[in-house]
Amino acid sequence: MSVNDISDRIADLELSMFEKLRDEQPHVMFETPNVFRAWRKATHATLSLATLVSLERDVEKACELGQNLISEKYRLLTGPRSNVPNVPSVDILCSIMRRWLHEMANHQPEMVANDVEAEVWTLRCGLVLLSETTLSLMQDDLAKARDEGRNLAAQTFALAVAELS
């Protein structure tokens, strides 16, 4: 399978979770399904094939267990911060993303709609739900992009905009 195929599959699984949460708690979800899917697909498209395969396993496992990762993420987002586990690999990922988001905010403020710390907190609440294998592979992807001078936050934004255009 290609990166695009796996990105589509994961985005479809996540969209199903999103729609279930939206049906149960419409006041929580402000995005439309097509915007949600475009952002998820754009996020996945910046990752390596190995990372996507691991992420797909995480999402499929959650589905098999009847877990809704989107509901869990929003539960963490809206609950006490002390409920969010401290995961060292997530700290590293969030640190890299924070730098990229600040870079975007400084050079293209229209690209960062919310404050950077709110964006990083949202990211953290989703990442802590993933397996350590996926987090480790993501860490490799982000480190590689950083070493190559790429900003994956900016790439994700550009891909989402293209998908929605």
C-alpha atoms as a PDB file:
ATOM      1  CA  MET A   1       0.000   0.000   0.000  1.00  0.00           C
ATOM      2  CA  SER A   2       1.067   3.567  -0.641  1.00  0.00           C
ATOM      3  CA  VAL A   3       1.268   6.432   1.838  1.00  0.00           C
ATOM      4  CA  ASN A   4      -1.826   7.895   0.176  1.00  0.00           C
ATOM      5  CA  ASP A   5      -3.793   4.634   0.494  1.00  0.00           C
ATOM      6  CA  ILE A   6      -2.952   4.207   4.162  1.00  0.00           C
ATOM      7  CA  SER A   7      -3.567   7.914   4.871  1.00  0.00           C
ATOM      8  CA  ASP A   8      -7.016   7.522   3.301  1.00  0.00           C
ATOM      9  CA  ARG A   9      -7.762   4.381   5.325  1.00  0.00           C
ATOM     10  CA  ILE A  10      -6.727   5.949   8.639  1.00  0.00           C
ATOM     11  CA  ALA A  11      -8.626   9.166   7.847  1.00  0.00           C
ATOM     12  CA  ASP A  12     -11.736   7.108   7.060  1.00  0.00           C
ATOM     13  CA  LEU A  13     -11.484   5.200  10.361  1.00  0.00           C
ATOM     14  CA  GLU A  14     -10.965   8.437  12.269  1.00  0.00           C
ATOM     15  CA  LEU A  15     -13.838  10.082  10.404  1.00  0.00           C
ATOM     16  CA  SER A  16     -16.112   7.281  11.564  1.00  0.00           C
ATOM     17  CA  MET A  17     -15.032   7.992  15.147  1.00  0.00           C
ATOM     18  CA  PHE A  18     -15.519  11.736  14.593  1.00  0.00           C
ATOM     19  CA  GLU A  19     -19.026  11.248  13.229  1.00  0.00           C
ATOM     20  CA  LYS A  20     -19.994   9.026  16.152  1.00  0.00           C
ATOM     21  CA  LEU A  21     -18.826  11.672  18.632  1.00  0.00           C
ATOM     22  CA  ARG A  22     -20.554  14.392  16.627  1.00  0.00           C
ATOM     23  CA  ASP A  23     -23.823  12.433  16.714  1.00  0.00           C
ATOM     24  CA  GLU A  24     -23.512  11.878  20.479  1.00  0.00           C
ATOM     25  CA  GLN A  25     -22.241  15.339  21.423  1.00  0.00           C
ATOM     26  CA  PRO A  26     -22.868  17.816  18.589  1.00  0.00           C
ATOM     27  CA  HIS A  27     -21.868  20.769  20.774  1.00  0.00           C
ATOM     28  CA  VAL A  28     -18.314  19.387  21.059  1.00  0.00           C
ATOM     29  CA  MET A  29     -17.512  19.110  17.364  1.00  0.00           C
ATOM     30  CA  PHE A  30     -17.389  22.314  15.359  1.00  0.00           C
ATOM     31  CA  GLU A  31     -15.610  21.004  12.265  1.00  0.00           C
ATOM     32  CA  THR A  32     -17.535  19.569   9.353  1.00  0.00           C
ATOM     33  CA  PRO A  33     -16.719  15.966   8.391  1.00  0.00           C
ATOM     34  CA  ASN A  34     -14.961  16.991   5.166  1.00  0.00           C
ATOM     35  CA  VAL A  35     -12.758  19.527   6.989  1.00  0.00           C
ATOM     36  CA  PHE A  36     -11.951  17.003   9.731  1.00  0.00           C
ATOM     37  CA  ARG A  37     -11.005  14.330   7.163  1.00  0.00           C
ATOM     38  CA  ALA A  38      -8.897  16.753   5.109  1.00  0.00           C
ATOM     39  CA  TRP A  39      -6.877  17.796   8.167  1.00  0.00           C
ATOM     40  CA  ARG A  40      -6.392  14.221   9.327  1.00  0.00           C
ATOM     41  CA  LYS A  41      -5.318  13.066   5.875  1.00  0.00           C
ATOM     42  CA  ALA A  42      -2.931  16.026   5.545  1.00  0.00           C
ATOM     43  CA  THR A  43      -1.413  15.204   8.932  1.00  0.00           C
ATOM     44  CA  HIS A  44      -0.880  11.578   7.951  1.00  0.00           C
ATOM     45  CA  ALA A  45       0.545  12.429   4.533  1.00  0.00           C
ATOM     46  CA  THR A  46       3.630  13.999   6.132  1.00  0.00           C
ATOM     47  CA  LEU A  47       4.553  10.734   7.885  1.00  0.00           C
ATOM     48  CA  SER A  48       6.580   7.781   6.618  1.00  0.00           C
ATOM     49  CA  LEU A  49       5.014   4.566   5.409  1.00  0.00           C
ATOM     50  CA  ALA A  50       6.351   2.693   8.465  1.00  0.00           C
ATOM     51  CA  THR A  51       4.768   5.216  10.820  1.00  0.00           C
ATOM     52  CA  LEU A  52       1.466   5.057   8.974  1.00  0.00           C
ATOM     53  CA  VAL A  53       1.373   1.269   9.129  1.00  0.00           C
ATOM     54  CA  SER A  54       1.891   1.444  12.893  1.00  0.00           C
ATOM     55  CA  LEU A  55      -0.699   4.210  13.263  1.00  0.00           C
ATOM     56  CA  GLU A  56      -3.175   2.207  11.218  1.00  0.00           C
ATOM     57  CA  ARG A  57      -2.655  -0.732  13.602  1.00  0.00           C
ATOM     58  CA  ASP A  58      -3.288   1.565  16.587  1.00  0.00           C
ATOM     59  CA  VAL A  59      -6.520   2.909  15.094  1.00  0.00           C
ATOM     60  CA  GLU A  60      -7.717  -0.532  13.984  1.00  0.00           C
ATOM     61  CA  LYS A  61      -6.978  -1.958  17.436  1.00  0.00           C
ATOM     62  CA  ALA A  62      -8.989   0.838  19.047  1.00  0.00           C
ATOM     63  CA  CYS A  63     -11.882   0.073  16.684  1.00  0.00           C
ATOM     64  CA  GLU A  64     -11.713  -3.637  17.516  1.00  0.00           C
ATOM     65  CA  LEU A  65     -11.833  -2.800  21.226  1.00  0.00           C
ATOM     66  CA  GLY A  66     -14.768  -0.435  20.720  1.00  0.00           C
ATOM     67  CA  GLN A  67     -12.679   2.602  21.646  1.00  0.00           C
ATOM     68  CA  ASN A  68     -13.205   5.975  20.031  1.00  0.00           C
ATOM     69  CA  LEU A  69      -9.859   7.760  19.918  1.00  0.00           C
ATOM     70  CA  ILE A  70     -11.526  11.029  18.948  1.00  0.00           C
ATOM     71  CA  SER A  71     -13.839  10.857  21.983  1.00  0.00           C
ATOM     72  CA  GLU A  72     -10.866  10.019  24.193  1.00  0.00           C
ATOM     73  CA  LYS A  73      -8.868  12.938  22.809  1.00  0.00           C
ATOM     74  CA  TYR A  74     -11.723  15.379  23.460  1.00  0.00           C
ATOM     75  CA  ARG A  75     -12.258  13.931  26.933  1.00  0.00           C
ATOM     76  CA  LEU A  76      -8.606  14.655  27.699  1.00  0.00           C
ATOM     77  CA  LEU A  77      -8.813  18.107  26.105  1.00  0.00           C
ATOM     78  CA  THR A  78     -11.764  19.149  28.222  1.00  0.00           C
ATOM     79  CA  GLY A  79     -10.790  17.439  31.469  1.00  0.00           C
ATOM     80  CA  PRO A  80      -8.212  18.331  34.084  1.00  0.00           C
ATOM     81  CA  ARG A  81      -4.693  18.533  32.674  1.00  0.00           C
ATOM     82  CA  SER A  82      -3.617  16.097  35.358  1.00  0.00           C
ATOM     83  CA  ASN A  83      -5.603  13.388  33.510  1.00  0.00           C
ATOM     84  CA  VAL A  84      -3.208  13.526  30.557  1.00  0.00           C
ATOM     85  CA  PRO A  85      -0.361  11.059  31.092  1.00  0.00           C
ATOM     86  CA  ASN A  86       3.211  12.262  31.006  1.00  0.00           C
ATOM     87  CA  VAL A  87       4.852  10.380  28.119  1.00  0.00           C
ATOM     88  CA  PRO A  88       8.491  11.326  27.384  1.00  0.00           C
ATOM     89  CA  SER A  89       8.249  10.580  23.647  1.00  0.00           C
ATOM     90  CA  VAL A  90       5.156  12.809  23.430  1.00  0.00           C
ATOM     91  CA  ASP A  91       7.129  15.582  25.153  1.00  0.00           C
ATOM     92  CA  ILE A  92       9.773  15.342  22.418  1.00  0.00           C
ATOM     93  CA  LEU A  93       7.203  15.358  19.609  1.00  0.00           C
ATOM     94  CA  CYS A  94       5.385  18.323  21.118  1.00  0.00           C
ATOM     95  CA  SER A  95       8.650  20.242  21.529  1.00  0.00           C
ATOM     96  CA  ILE A  96       9.461  19.863  17.830  1.00  0.00           C
ATOM     97  CA  MET A  97       5.931  20.787  16.777  1.00  0.00           C
ATOM     98  CA  ARG A  98       5.926  23.790  19.114  1.00  0.00           C
ATOM     99  CA  ARG A  99       9.039  25.160  17.369  1.00  0.00           C
ATOM    100  CA  TRP A 100       7.469  24.644  13.949  1.00  0.00           C
ATOM    101  CA  LEU A 101       4.197  26.280  14.998  1.00  0.00           C
ATOM    102  CA  HIS A 102       6.061  29.283  16.444  1.00  0.00           C
ATOM    103  CA  GLU A 103       7.994  29.532  13.184  1.00  0.00           C
ATOM    104  CA  MET A 104       4.694  29.539  11.274  1.00  0.00           C
ATOM    105  CA  ALA A 105       3.161  32.088  13.655  1.00  0.00           C
ATOM    106  CA  ASN A 106       6.144  34.399  13.159  1.00  0.00           C
ATOM    107  CA  HIS A 107       6.348  34.108   9.377  1.00  0.00           C
ATOM    108  CA  GLN A 108       2.760  33.375   8.395  1.00  0.00           C
ATOM    109  CA  PRO A 109       0.468  34.322  11.299  1.00  0.00           C
ATOM    110  CA  GLU A 110      -2.659  33.624   9.229  1.00  0.00           C
ATOM    111  CA  MET A 111      -1.666  29.946   9.189  1.00  0.00           C
ATOM    112  CA  VAL A 112      -1.845  29.537  12.982  1.00  0.00           C
ATOM    113  CA  ALA A 113      -5.459  30.226  13.925  1.00  0.00           C
ATOM    114  CA  ASN A 114      -5.163  29.464  17.632  1.00  0.00           C
ATOM    115  CA  ASP A 115      -2.411  30.169  20.042  1.00  0.00           C
ATOM    116  CA  VAL A 116       0.526  27.807  19.694  1.00  0.00           C
ATOM    117  CA  GLU A 117       0.220  26.343  23.186  1.00  0.00           C
ATOM    118  CA  ALA A 118      -3.435  25.454  22.561  1.00  0.00           C
ATOM    119  CA  GLU A 119      -2.424  23.714  19.348  1.00  0.00           C
ATOM    120  CA  VAL A 120       0.342  21.799  21.125  1.00  0.00           C
ATOM    121  CA  TRP A 121      -2.042  20.792  23.928  1.00  0.00           C
ATOM    122  CA  THR A 122      -4.510  19.443  21.350  1.00  0.00           C
ATOM    123  CA  LEU A 123      -1.701  17.501  19.713  1.00  0.00           C
ATOM    124  CA  ARG A 124      -0.533  16.108  23.072  1.00  0.00           C
ATOM    125  CA  CYS A 125      -4.028  14.866  23.947  1.00  0.00           C
ATOM    126  CA  GLY A 126      -4.133  12.848  20.741  1.00  0.00           C
ATOM    127  CA  LEU A 127      -0.570  11.550  20.856  1.00  0.00           C
ATOM    128  CA  VAL A 128      -0.813  10.069  24.360  1.00  0.00           C
ATOM    129  CA  LEU A 129      -3.421   7.640  23.004  1.00  0.00           C
ATOM    130  CA  LEU A 130      -1.001   6.032  20.540  1.00  0.00           C
ATOM    131  CA  SER A 131       1.355   3.096  20.998  1.00  0.00           C
ATOM    132  CA  GLU A 132       4.964   3.647  21.934  1.00  0.00           C
ATOM    133  CA  THR A 133       5.926   2.044  18.601  1.00  0.00           C
ATOM    134  CA  THR A 134       3.974   4.659  16.658  1.00  0.00           C
ATOM    135  CA  LEU A 135       5.319   7.474  18.829  1.00  0.00           C
ATOM    136  CA  SER A 136       8.892   6.297  18.290  1.00  0.00           C
ATOM    137  CA  LEU A 137       8.385   6.139  14.524  1.00  0.00           C
ATOM    138  CA  MET A 138       6.811   9.609  14.562  1.00  0.00           C
ATOM    139  CA  GLN A 139       9.791  10.874  16.511  1.00  0.00           C
ATOM    140  CA  ASP A 140      12.079   9.513  13.771  1.00  0.00           C
ATOM    141  CA  ASP A 141       9.945  11.192  11.073  1.00  0.00           C
ATOM    142  CA  LEU A 142       9.930  14.559  12.828  1.00  0.00           C
ATOM    143  CA  ALA A 143      13.666  14.411  13.552  1.00  0.00           C
ATOM    144  CA  LYS A 144      14.382  13.581   9.910  1.00  0.00           C
ATOM    145  CA  ALA A 145      12.183  16.449   8.701  1.00  0.00           C
ATOM    146  CA  ARG A 146      13.810  18.824  11.180  1.00  0.00           C
ATOM    147  CA  ASP A 147      17.298  17.740  10.047  1.00  0.00           C
ATOM    148  CA  GLU A 148      16.248  18.299   6.414  1.00  0.00           C
ATOM    149  CA  GLY A 149      14.978  21.789   7.270  1.00  0.00           C
ATOM    150  CA  ARG A 150      11.333  20.901   6.656  1.00  0.00           C
ATOM    151  CA  ASN A 151       8.485  22.176   8.810  1.00  0.00           C
ATOM    152  CA  LEU A 152       5.841  19.438   8.962  1.00  0.00           C
ATOM    153  CA  ALA A 153       3.308  21.782  10.543  1.00  0.00           C
ATOM    154  CA  ALA A 154       3.548  24.053   7.489  1.00  0.00           C
ATOM    155  CA  GLN A 155       3.453  21.062   5.139  1.00  0.00           C
ATOM    156  CA  THR A 156       0.327  19.748   6.860  1.00  0.00           C
ATOM    157  CA  PHE A 157      -1.370  23.125   6.524  1.00  0.00           C
ATOM    158  CA  ALA A 158      -0.505  23.354   2.814  1.00  0.00           C
ATOM    159  CA  LEU A 159      -1.790  19.821   2.163  1.00  0.00           C
ATOM    160  CA  ALA A 160      -5.044  20.466   4.033  1.00  0.00           C
ATOM    161  CA  VAL A 161      -5.656  23.683   2.127  1.00  0.00           C
ATOM    162  CA  ALA A 162      -5.007  21.878  -1.169  1.00  0.00           C
ATOM    163  CA  GLU A 163      -7.358  19.060  -0.156  1.00  0.00           C
ATOM    164  CA  LEU A 164     -10.113  21.541   0.701  1.00  0.00           C
ATOM    165  CA  SER A 165      -9.672  23.692  -2.421  1.00  0.00           C
END
